[in-house]
Amino acid sequence: MHLKQTSSSDGNVGFQIAPMIDVVFVIMLFFMVMAGAVKVENELNTVLPGSAETSNSVDFVDEQIISIAEDGEVSLNDEPFDSPTSTTLPQLTNTLGKLKQASDASKSLLAVTIASDAQAKYGRAIDVLNALAAAKIDNVTFTISDEE
């Protein structure tokens, strides 16, 4: 095997500017293309929660709670009405009618929650529903009282 000797003047071509210009143009092309792909962020108009003042009044729901005890005693907002044996509940019906008239006059929503004891008889809940129907109150929810 024979090694060919080269002179130092044959292998040294010097600094080549053409490949450097090519690399600069490729990098410049890359940045020009990527500049068009940048998404512009928009400002989001958000309002953080806090206290706000309003010029008109805010109406709240007027909620009444009717409790039915295990012995059949019916109370409206912890005030007992009628006897535990009364099936027509005239005092409760009269009071509910007045509450309905007052809520209609003030144009507010009247909500009634029936909180029944777990051991109360279903017939007593029906008596309360009849009193609500006589007073024309139809926004009624049910729950079980958690008094232990």
Protein backbone atom coordinates (compact mmCIF):
# COMPACT_ATOMS: atom_id res chain seq x y z
CA MET A 1 0.00 0.00 0.00
CA HIS A 2 1.39 3.21 -1.06
CA LEU A 3 0.44 6.55 0.51
CA LYS A 4 0.27 9.47 -1.72
CA GLN A 5 1.80 12.58 -0.34
CA THR A 6 0.02 15.83 -0.96
CA SER A 7 1.48 19.18 -0.78
CA SER A 8 0.13 21.74 1.65
CA SER A 9 -0.87 24.06 -1.15
CA ASP A 10 -3.23 21.51 -2.78
CA GLY A 11 -5.49 20.77 0.26
CA ASN A 12 -5.89 24.26 1.64
CA VAL A 13 -8.75 25.90 -0.22
CA GLY A 14 -9.16 28.77 2.25
CA PHE A 15 -12.29 30.26 3.81
CA GLN A 16 -15.34 29.56 1.66
CA ILE A 17 -17.96 32.33 1.88
CA ALA A 18 -20.62 30.70 -0.34
CA PRO A 19 -21.59 27.92 2.15
CA MET A 20 -21.77 30.49 4.95
CA ILE A 21 -24.17 32.65 2.90
CA ASP A 22 -26.28 29.56 2.21
CA VAL A 23 -26.52 28.75 5.93
CA VAL A 24 -27.45 32.36 6.77
CA PHE A 25 -30.19 32.36 4.11
CA VAL A 26 -31.62 29.05 5.40
CA ILE A 27 -31.70 30.39 8.99
CA MET A 28 -33.28 33.65 7.79
CA LEU A 29 -35.90 31.68 5.83
CA PHE A 30 -36.69 29.59 8.94
CA PHE A 31 -37.29 32.68 11.09
CA MET A 32 -39.41 34.35 8.40
CA VAL A 33 -41.66 31.29 8.15
CA MET A 34 -41.97 30.93 11.92
CA ALA A 35 -42.80 34.62 12.37
CA GLY A 36 -46.02 34.11 10.40
CA ALA A 37 -47.07 31.20 12.65
CA VAL A 38 -46.95 33.19 15.89
CA LYS A 39 -50.43 33.55 17.38
CA VAL A 40 -51.40 36.95 18.63
CA GLU A 41 -52.80 36.82 22.15
CA ASN A 42 -56.07 38.63 22.63
CA GLU A 43 -57.06 40.46 25.77
CA LEU A 44 -59.79 38.70 27.72
CA ASN A 45 -62.21 41.07 29.37
CA THR A 46 -62.97 39.38 32.67
CA VAL A 47 -64.56 40.66 35.83
CA LEU A 48 -63.40 39.17 39.08
CA PRO A 49 -65.99 38.43 41.74
CA GLY A 50 -66.44 41.02 44.39
CA SER A 51 -68.97 43.43 45.70
CA ALA A 52 -70.91 45.28 43.06
CA GLU A 53 -73.36 48.08 43.56
CA THR A 54 -76.65 48.03 41.70
CA SER A 55 -79.15 50.78 41.16
CA ASN A 56 -82.28 48.62 41.57
CA SER A 57 -83.20 46.29 44.41
CA VAL A 58 -82.65 42.54 44.29
CA ASP A 59 -85.59 40.28 45.20
CA PHE A 60 -84.88 37.15 47.16
CA VAL A 61 -87.03 34.05 47.37
CA ASP A 62 -89.25 34.01 50.42
CA GLU A 63 -88.89 30.48 51.79
CA GLN A 64 -91.25 29.09 54.39
CA ILE A 65 -90.55 25.81 56.20
CA ILE A 66 -93.40 23.57 57.27
CA SER A 67 -92.34 20.91 59.76
CA ILE A 68 -94.30 17.71 60.37
CA ALA A 69 -93.47 15.97 63.65
CA GLU A 70 -93.79 12.27 64.36
CA ASP A 71 -96.93 12.85 66.47
CA GLY A 72 -98.60 14.77 63.60
CA GLU A 73 -97.98 18.30 64.86
CA VAL A 74 -97.59 20.76 61.99
CA SER A 75 -95.58 23.95 62.42
CA LEU A 76 -94.80 26.79 60.06
CA ASN A 77 -91.37 28.33 60.72
CA ASP A 78 -91.28 26.62 64.15
CA GLU A 79 -94.73 28.00 65.12
CA PRO A 80 -97.28 25.20 65.71
CA PHE A 81 -100.62 25.34 63.86
CA ASP A 82 -103.87 23.44 64.45
CA SER A 83 -104.14 20.25 66.46
CA PRO A 84 -102.30 17.06 65.54
CA THR A 85 -105.65 15.38 64.80
CA SER A 86 -107.08 18.07 62.49
CA THR A 87 -107.11 16.91 58.86
CA THR A 88 -108.25 20.19 57.28
CA LEU A 89 -105.65 22.42 59.00
CA PRO A 90 -107.74 25.64 58.83
CA GLN A 91 -105.24 27.88 60.65
CA LEU A 92 -102.36 26.74 58.44
CA THR A 93 -104.44 27.15 55.28
CA ASN A 94 -105.47 30.67 56.32
CA THR A 95 -101.87 31.67 57.12
CA LEU A 96 -100.56 30.18 53.88
CA GLY A 97 -103.24 32.11 51.94
CA LYS A 98 -102.08 35.36 53.53
CA LEU A 99 -98.45 34.53 52.71
CA LYS A 100 -99.41 33.85 49.09
CA GLN A 101 -101.27 37.16 48.84
CA ALA A 102 -98.30 39.02 50.34
CA SER A 103 -95.84 37.38 47.94
CA ASP A 104 -98.10 38.11 44.96
CA ALA A 105 -98.42 41.74 46.03
CA SER A 106 -94.65 42.13 46.34
CA LYS A 107 -94.09 40.06 43.16
CA SER A 108 -91.68 37.75 44.94
CA LEU A 109 -91.45 33.99 44.68
CA LEU A 110 -92.93 32.02 47.58
CA ALA A 111 -91.16 28.72 48.16
CA VAL A 112 -92.33 26.19 50.73
CA THR A 113 -90.21 23.35 52.06
CA ILE A 114 -91.94 20.51 53.85
CA ALA A 115 -89.57 19.01 56.42
CA SER A 116 -91.14 15.80 57.61
CA ASP A 117 -89.95 13.57 60.41
CA ALA A 118 -88.87 10.17 59.13
CA GLN A 119 -91.51 8.47 61.32
CA ALA A 120 -94.37 10.87 60.47
CA LYS A 121 -97.42 9.42 58.74
CA TYR A 122 -97.82 10.01 55.02
CA GLY A 123 -101.42 11.08 55.52
CA ARG A 124 -100.22 14.10 57.48
CA ALA A 125 -98.02 15.15 54.55
CA ILE A 126 -101.10 14.84 52.31
CA ASP A 127 -103.03 17.11 54.71
CA VAL A 128 -100.26 19.73 54.42
CA LEU A 129 -100.26 19.39 50.62
CA ASN A 130 -104.03 19.94 50.60
CA ALA A 131 -103.55 23.11 52.66
CA LEU A 132 -100.92 24.29 50.18
CA ALA A 133 -103.24 23.55 47.26
CA ALA A 134 -106.06 25.49 48.92
CA ALA A 135 -103.69 28.47 49.27
CA LYS A 136 -102.66 28.04 45.59
CA ILE A 137 -98.97 27.55 46.43
CA ASP A 138 -97.25 25.33 43.90
CA ASN A 139 -93.53 25.86 44.57
CA VAL A 140 -93.03 23.06 47.12
CA THR A 141 -90.02 20.93 47.99
CA PHE A 142 -89.67 18.01 50.39
CA THR A 143 -87.00 17.08 52.86
CA ILE A 144 -86.62 14.88 55.90
CA SER A 145 -85.96 16.72 59.13
CA ASP A 146 -82.65 15.82 60.67
CA GLU A 147 -83.56 16.57 64.25
CA GLU A 148 -82.31 13.71 66.38
